[in-house]
Amino acid sequence: MSLPAKIISHSNLQILKNENSFNPELEYEFFHNFQSPHTRKSYRIDISQFFEFLRDNFSLILNYQDIKRVHFVAFRNWLTDSNLAPKSVNRKLAANSSFFDFLVEKNIIAFNPSTSIKRPRQDVVKPTNDVSDEQIRHLLELVECQKGPGLLHKAVLYTLFTTGIRKAELINLKIKNFSMKNGFYIIEIRAKGGKQLTKVIHPKCAEVINEYLEYLKSESNEINGSLHPEDWIFRPSKNPLDPNQLIKPLNPKSVDYIIKTWCHKAGIDQRISPHSARASYIGSALESGVDLYKISRDVGHASVKTTEEYNKRRQKLSESPVFGLGFMDKKKD
């Protein structure tokens, strides 16, 4: 099985070609084992980059069996020397390791040469900026007066900041995922890794979403039709390419635009993204004394360590545990 001159084109489904042609069903099985389209796309790019690196630097490699541990070490060092963030380096190594595990499973190679590769510590190079409670209050006050099409912006902001869900999770929310259960409004989402999460919605956020949905109902016409449980909640208010097609998920860039536009209006000058809302949600909850484990489960993290990394707020010096040492208290007479 020879390595081709070009490997894993982003525009087609073909991974590798040999003289007998690589089985497309095998390729399909590997990538479509991942439920998230975003994960499939990222893995394609990361695996392609590794094989292109081999092609450019190790011309004597002729088949999978020729790929050794040293080649993965060289790839890791090359990524690191390119000033790539440790988290990105680890993601690329993980993608390729997953692919080689797959090759082992299919008896194409005997073992995975990337298994014992040491990975860089995931120190954050450009941390996601948190937004303070005061800044969020001001931001939500500014958007409070939005009506009509502006209700989309209002609903997006409230949902991101009061739920801590990811941008992709927000975009994929459907009307059937928003409901009332046991007296509480909830949303059901498919989180990262295929996890199914049920999140309780803050009453104010539920009020805003309902206001937005009422607006969508009022705007329903012969073109858009009535609201259907399978319709996306957050959808574009206009579509220049096809004005008659508005029943589709909101574009990720539109979410970025909404966040950046309103944060700018609120005088928030630091680098802000939809992920900042997630960091702010976690930071605010932790600062208010909510249990770390509960927050970790609420946002769908596999480990509380990941949740801690999202907390960008610094503990007040006056709250240091040193002031709670019982043996340092003065004895009362």
Protein backbone atom coordinates (compact mmCIF):
# COMPACT_ATOMS: atom_id res chain seq x y z
CA MET A 1 0.00 0.00 0.00
CA SER A 2 2.00 2.94 -1.28
CA LEU A 3 1.69 6.49 -0.07
CA PRO A 4 0.30 8.71 -2.82
CA ALA A 5 1.61 12.04 -3.99
CA LYS A 6 -1.52 13.68 -2.60
CA ILE A 7 -3.30 12.43 0.48
CA ILE A 8 -6.77 13.12 1.89
CA SER A 9 -8.13 15.88 -0.26
CA HIS A 10 -10.65 18.03 1.64
CA SER A 11 -12.88 18.04 -1.43
CA ASN A 12 -13.43 14.28 -1.65
CA LEU A 13 -13.73 11.19 0.52
CA GLN A 14 -10.58 9.42 -0.62
CA ILE A 15 -7.89 8.82 2.00
CA LEU A 16 -5.25 6.77 0.28
CA LYS A 17 -4.67 5.18 -3.07
CA ASN A 18 -2.52 2.23 -3.93
CA GLU A 19 -2.20 0.22 -7.06
CA ASN A 20 -5.46 -1.55 -6.17
CA SER A 21 -7.23 1.59 -4.93
CA PHE A 22 -7.95 2.08 -1.23
CA ASN A 23 -11.38 0.79 -0.23
CA PRO A 24 -13.70 3.84 0.05
CA GLU A 25 -15.93 1.91 2.45
CA LEU A 26 -13.00 1.66 4.87
CA GLU A 27 -12.44 5.40 4.61
CA TYR A 28 -16.13 6.09 5.13
CA GLU A 29 -16.18 3.83 8.19
CA PHE A 30 -13.33 5.74 9.86
CA PHE A 31 -14.57 9.31 9.37
CA HIS A 32 -18.27 8.68 9.81
CA ASN A 33 -17.68 6.92 13.10
CA PHE A 34 -17.49 10.49 14.42
CA GLN A 35 -20.94 12.03 14.77
CA SER A 36 -19.85 15.65 14.62
CA PRO A 37 -19.28 17.10 11.11
CA HIS A 38 -16.84 19.52 12.75
CA THR A 39 -14.80 16.62 14.14
CA ARG A 40 -14.77 14.85 10.77
CA LYS A 41 -13.56 18.00 9.04
CA SER A 42 -10.86 18.66 11.65
CA TYR A 43 -9.60 15.07 11.51
CA ARG A 44 -9.36 15.20 7.72
CA ILE A 45 -7.22 18.32 7.91
CA ASP A 46 -4.99 17.00 10.72
CA ILE A 47 -4.39 13.59 9.14
CA SER A 48 -3.74 15.16 5.75
CA GLN A 49 -1.17 17.48 7.30
CA PHE A 50 0.73 14.57 8.84
CA PHE A 51 0.99 12.68 5.54
CA GLU A 52 1.97 15.80 3.67
CA PHE A 53 4.70 16.32 6.27
CA LEU A 54 5.94 12.78 5.63
CA ARG A 55 5.86 13.29 1.88
CA ASP A 56 7.89 16.50 2.11
CA ASN A 57 10.46 15.27 4.63
CA PHE A 58 10.73 11.47 4.39
CA SER A 59 10.74 10.50 0.75
CA LEU A 60 11.85 6.91 1.49
CA ILE A 61 8.57 6.04 3.22
CA LEU A 62 6.69 3.74 0.86
CA ASN A 63 3.94 2.22 3.00
CA TYR A 64 2.24 2.38 6.38
CA GLN A 65 4.66 -0.14 7.87
CA ASP A 66 7.53 2.28 7.19
CA ILE A 67 6.02 4.91 9.48
CA LYS A 68 7.80 4.74 12.84
CA ARG A 69 7.71 6.48 16.18
CA VAL A 70 10.51 8.81 15.08
CA HIS A 71 8.30 10.21 12.33
CA PHE A 72 5.62 11.17 14.84
CA VAL A 73 8.27 12.73 17.09
CA ALA A 74 9.53 14.77 14.14
CA PHE A 75 5.96 15.81 13.28
CA ARG A 76 5.29 16.88 16.87
CA ASN A 77 8.51 18.89 17.01
CA TRP A 78 7.75 20.51 13.67
CA LEU A 79 4.31 21.58 14.89
CA THR A 80 5.80 22.93 18.11
CA ASP A 81 8.53 24.83 16.24
CA SER A 82 5.79 26.37 14.09
CA ASN A 83 4.52 28.11 17.27
CA LEU A 84 1.30 26.15 17.24
CA ALA A 85 -0.57 26.16 20.55
CA PRO A 86 0.02 23.00 22.64
CA LYS A 87 -3.70 22.25 22.56
CA SER A 88 -3.65 22.29 18.74
CA VAL A 89 -0.54 20.10 18.63
CA ASN A 90 -2.22 17.57 20.91
CA ARG A 91 -5.38 17.60 18.83
CA LYS A 92 -3.42 16.85 15.65
CA LEU A 93 -1.51 14.03 17.35
CA ALA A 94 -4.75 12.62 18.74
CA ALA A 95 -6.41 12.67 15.31
CA ASN A 96 -3.55 10.76 13.73
CA SER A 97 -3.31 8.35 16.65
CA SER A 98 -7.00 7.58 16.21
CA PHE A 99 -6.46 6.91 12.51
CA PHE A 100 -3.54 4.54 13.21
CA ASP A 101 -5.58 2.73 15.87
CA PHE A 102 -8.13 2.19 13.12
CA LEU A 103 -5.43 0.78 10.81
CA VAL A 104 -4.39 -1.64 13.57
CA GLU A 105 -8.01 -2.68 14.07
CA LYS A 106 -8.27 -3.45 10.36
CA ASN A 107 -4.99 -5.43 10.40
CA ILE A 108 -3.38 -3.02 7.98
CA ILE A 109 -0.51 -2.41 10.43
CA ALA A 110 0.66 -4.39 13.46
CA PHE A 111 0.83 -1.58 16.03
CA ASN A 112 0.25 2.16 16.43
CA PRO A 113 3.64 3.96 16.30
CA SER A 114 2.19 7.11 17.89
CA THR A 115 1.07 5.43 21.12
CA SER A 116 4.01 6.41 23.32
CA ILE A 117 4.60 9.90 21.93
CA LYS A 118 4.89 12.48 24.71
CA ARG A 119 2.60 15.41 24.13
CA PRO A 120 3.21 19.02 25.15
CA ARG A 121 1.56 20.47 28.22
CA GLN A 122 -1.62 22.25 27.30
CA ASP A 123 -0.68 25.68 28.56
CA VAL A 124 -3.08 28.18 27.03
CA VAL A 125 -1.28 30.58 24.68
CA LYS A 126 -4.30 32.78 23.95
CA PRO A 127 -6.83 32.17 26.71
CA THR A 128 -10.51 32.77 26.11
CA ASN A 129 -11.36 36.08 27.73
CA ASP A 130 -13.96 36.10 30.47
CA VAL A 131 -16.60 38.83 30.71
CA SER A 132 -17.36 40.18 34.18
CA ASP A 133 -20.84 40.02 35.72
CA GLU A 134 -21.09 43.81 35.53
CA GLN A 135 -20.20 43.80 31.83
CA ILE A 136 -22.75 41.06 31.11
CA ARG A 137 -25.49 42.98 32.95
CA HIS A 138 -24.74 46.06 30.88
CA LEU A 139 -24.70 44.01 27.67
CA LEU A 140 -28.08 42.41 28.39
CA GLU A 141 -29.56 45.77 29.37
CA LEU A 142 -28.53 47.18 25.98
CA VAL A 143 -30.19 44.36 24.06
CA GLU A 144 -33.34 44.39 26.21
CA CYS A 145 -35.19 46.85 23.97
CA GLN A 146 -34.73 44.77 20.80
CA LYS A 147 -37.92 43.95 18.94
CA GLY A 148 -38.82 42.30 15.64
CA PRO A 149 -35.77 40.85 13.83
CA GLY A 150 -33.62 42.16 16.69
CA LEU A 151 -35.13 39.49 18.94
CA LEU A 152 -32.78 37.00 17.26
CA HIS A 153 -29.76 38.88 18.65
CA LYS A 154 -31.40 39.14 22.05
CA ALA A 155 -32.20 35.43 22.19
CA VAL A 156 -28.71 34.40 21.03
CA LEU A 157 -27.00 36.56 23.68
CA TYR A 158 -29.25 35.42 26.52
CA THR A 159 -28.93 31.77 25.53
CA LEU A 160 -25.13 31.81 25.26
CA PHE A 161 -24.47 33.73 28.47
CA THR A 162 -27.09 32.03 30.67
CA THR A 163 -26.54 28.42 29.55
CA GLY A 164 -22.82 28.20 28.75
CA ILE A 165 -23.50 26.03 25.70
CA ARG A 166 -21.10 25.98 22.76
CA LYS A 167 -21.73 27.84 19.51
CA ALA A 168 -22.32 24.60 17.60
CA GLU A 169 -24.81 23.44 20.24
CA LEU A 170 -26.71 26.72 19.97
CA ILE A 171 -26.85 26.56 16.18
CA ASN A 172 -28.18 22.99 16.21
CA LEU A 173 -30.98 23.65 18.69
CA LYS A 174 -34.38 22.78 17.28
CA ILE A 175 -37.80 23.85 18.48
CA LYS A 176 -38.43 20.31 19.79
CA ASN A 177 -35.34 20.69 22.02
CA PHE A 178 -36.93 23.56 23.96
CA SER A 179 -39.74 22.54 26.32
CA MET A 180 -41.09 22.62 29.86
CA LYS A 181 -40.55 19.73 32.26
CA ASN A 182 -41.69 19.53 35.87
CA GLY A 183 -42.29 23.27 35.95
CA PHE A 184 -38.89 24.18 34.47
CA TYR A 185 -37.96 25.21 30.97
CA ILE A 186 -35.22 23.01 29.57
CA ILE A 187 -33.16 22.53 26.43
CA GLU A 188 -31.89 19.18 25.24
CA ILE A 189 -28.63 19.31 23.33
CA ARG A 190 -26.17 16.96 21.70
CA ALA A 191 -22.91 18.08 23.24
CA LYS A 192 -19.31 17.48 22.24
CA GLY A 193 -18.50 13.80 21.95
CA GLY A 194 -22.12 12.88 21.23
CA LYS A 195 -23.25 13.41 24.83
CA GLN A 196 -26.92 14.11 25.41
CA LEU A 197 -27.44 16.92 27.92
CA THR A 198 -30.56 18.34 29.49
CA LYS A 199 -30.06 21.87 30.79
CA VAL A 200 -32.45 23.92 32.90
CA ILE A 201 -33.03 27.36 31.40
CA HIS A 202 -33.08 30.53 33.49
CA PRO A 203 -36.66 31.92 33.57
CA LYS A 204 -35.53 35.19 31.95
CA CYS A 205 -33.80 33.32 29.13
CA ALA A 206 -36.91 31.17 28.61
CA GLU A 207 -38.99 34.36 28.44
CA VAL A 208 -36.67 35.79 25.77
CA ILE A 209 -36.70 32.58 23.70
CA ASN A 210 -40.51 32.43 23.89
CA GLU A 211 -40.72 36.07 22.82
CA TYR A 212 -38.47 35.29 19.85
CA LEU A 213 -40.51 32.20 18.90
CA GLU A 214 -43.73 34.22 19.05
CA TYR A 215 -42.13 36.66 16.62
CA LEU A 216 -41.23 33.78 14.28
CA LYS A 217 -44.82 32.53 14.42
CA SER A 218 -46.13 35.98 13.55
CA GLU A 219 -43.75 36.12 10.60
CA SER A 220 -44.74 32.69 9.30
CA ASN A 221 -46.27 32.94 5.85
CA GLU A 222 -46.82 30.87 2.73
CA ILE A 223 -43.07 30.78 2.09
CA ASN A 224 -41.78 29.89 5.53
CA GLY A 225 -44.83 27.97 6.69
CA SER A 226 -45.77 27.43 10.34
CA LEU A 227 -43.18 26.50 12.96
CA HIS A 228 -42.36 22.81 13.04
CA PRO A 229 -40.71 20.86 15.91
CA GLU A 230 -37.84 19.92 13.56
CA ASP A 231 -37.17 23.57 12.61
CA TRP A 232 -34.09 25.26 14.00
CA ILE A 233 -34.73 27.82 16.74
CA PHE A 234 -31.99 30.20 15.65
CA ARG A 235 -32.32 30.91 11.96
CA PRO A 236 -31.33 33.79 9.68
CA SER A 237 -33.75 36.69 9.35
CA LYS A 238 -32.67 37.17 5.73
CA ASN A 239 -30.88 35.16 3.06
CA PRO A 240 -29.41 37.24 0.18
CA LEU A 241 -28.60 34.12 -1.86
CA ASP A 242 -32.11 32.68 -1.55
CA PRO A 243 -34.65 35.06 0.06
CA ASN A 244 -37.25 32.29 0.12
CA GLN A 245 -35.09 29.94 2.17
CA LEU A 246 -34.94 31.04 5.78
CA ILE A 247 -35.63 27.74 7.51
CA LYS A 248 -32.04 26.72 8.07
CA PRO A 249 -29.56 26.92 10.96
CA LEU A 250 -27.87 30.21 11.72
CA ASN A 251 -24.43 30.58 10.14
CA PRO A 252 -21.57 30.29 12.71
CA LYS A 253 -20.18 33.60 11.44
CA SER A 254 -23.51 35.24 12.26
CA VAL A 255 -23.15 34.15 15.89
CA ASP A 256 -19.62 35.62 15.95
CA TYR A 257 -20.99 38.86 14.50
CA ILE A 258 -23.77 39.11 17.09
CA ILE A 259 -21.35 38.62 19.99
CA LYS A 260 -18.70 41.01 18.71
CA THR A 261 -21.19 43.72 17.68
CA TRP A 262 -23.01 43.90 20.99
CA CYS A 263 -19.87 43.52 23.10
CA HIS A 264 -18.43 46.50 21.20
CA LYS A 265 -21.60 48.50 21.88
CA ALA A 266 -21.28 47.58 25.56
CA GLY A 267 -17.72 48.93 25.64
CA ILE A 268 -16.12 45.52 26.09
CA ASP A 269 -12.77 45.99 24.40
CA GLN A 270 -11.02 42.66 25.05
CA ARG A 271 -11.00 39.89 22.45
CA ILE A 272 -14.44 38.31 22.74
CA SER A 273 -15.91 35.24 21.05
CA PRO A 274 -18.99 33.05 21.59
CA HIS A 275 -16.73 30.83 23.71
CA SER A 276 -16.21 33.79 26.04
CA ALA A 277 -19.86 33.41 27.04
CA ARG A 278 -19.14 29.81 28.08
CA ALA A 279 -16.10 30.88 30.11
CA SER A 280 -18.16 33.66 31.71
CA TYR A 281 -20.97 31.25 32.60
CA ILE A 282 -18.54 28.90 34.33
CA GLY A 283 -16.59 31.71 36.01
CA SER A 284 -19.70 33.45 37.32
CA ALA A 285 -21.14 30.21 38.70
CA LEU A 286 -17.88 29.29 40.44
CA GLU A 287 -17.51 32.80 41.84
CA SER A 288 -21.04 32.53 43.24
CA GLY A 289 -20.12 29.35 45.09
CA VAL A 290 -21.73 26.72 42.87
CA ASP A 291 -20.07 23.33 43.28
CA LEU A 292 -17.37 22.66 40.67
CA TYR A 293 -18.58 19.11 39.99
CA LYS A 294 -22.16 20.31 39.34
CA ILE A 295 -20.93 22.91 36.89
CA SER A 296 -18.71 20.37 35.15
CA ARG A 297 -21.66 18.03 34.59
CA ASP A 298 -23.91 20.92 33.57
CA VAL A 299 -21.60 22.04 30.75
CA GLY A 300 -20.77 18.51 29.61
CA HIS A 301 -17.12 18.30 30.63
CA ALA A 302 -15.63 14.83 31.09
CA SER A 303 -13.34 16.12 33.84
CA VAL A 304 -13.57 18.85 36.46
CA LYS A 305 -10.00 19.75 35.47
CA THR A 306 -11.33 21.00 32.13
CA THR A 307 -13.96 23.08 33.94
CA GLU A 308 -11.30 24.63 36.17
CA GLU A 309 -9.35 25.71 33.08
CA TYR A 310 -12.37 27.71 31.93
CA ASN A 311 -12.44 29.74 35.13
CA LYS A 312 -10.64 32.94 34.13
CA ARG A 313 -11.59 34.79 37.30
CA ARG A 314 -9.04 35.09 40.03
CA GLN A 315 -9.97 34.29 43.59
CA LYS A 316 -9.92 37.31 45.86
CA LEU A 317 -6.90 37.41 48.17
CA SER A 318 -9.21 37.98 51.12
CA GLU A 319 -10.81 34.60 50.38
CA SER A 320 -7.55 32.68 50.71
CA PRO A 321 -7.85 29.41 52.72
CA VAL A 322 -5.07 30.70 54.97
CA PHE A 323 -7.65 32.82 56.80
CA GLY A 324 -9.73 29.74 57.58
CA LEU A 325 -7.07 27.78 59.46
CA GLY A 326 -8.66 26.75 62.73
CA PHE A 327 -5.38 26.31 64.58
CA MET A 328 -4.49 29.95 63.91
CA ASP A 329 -7.64 31.31 65.58
CA LYS A 330 -7.06 32.96 68.90
CA LYS A 331 -8.56 31.07 71.80
CA LYS A 332 -11.35 32.86 73.52
CA ASP A 333 -11.11 33.21 77.31
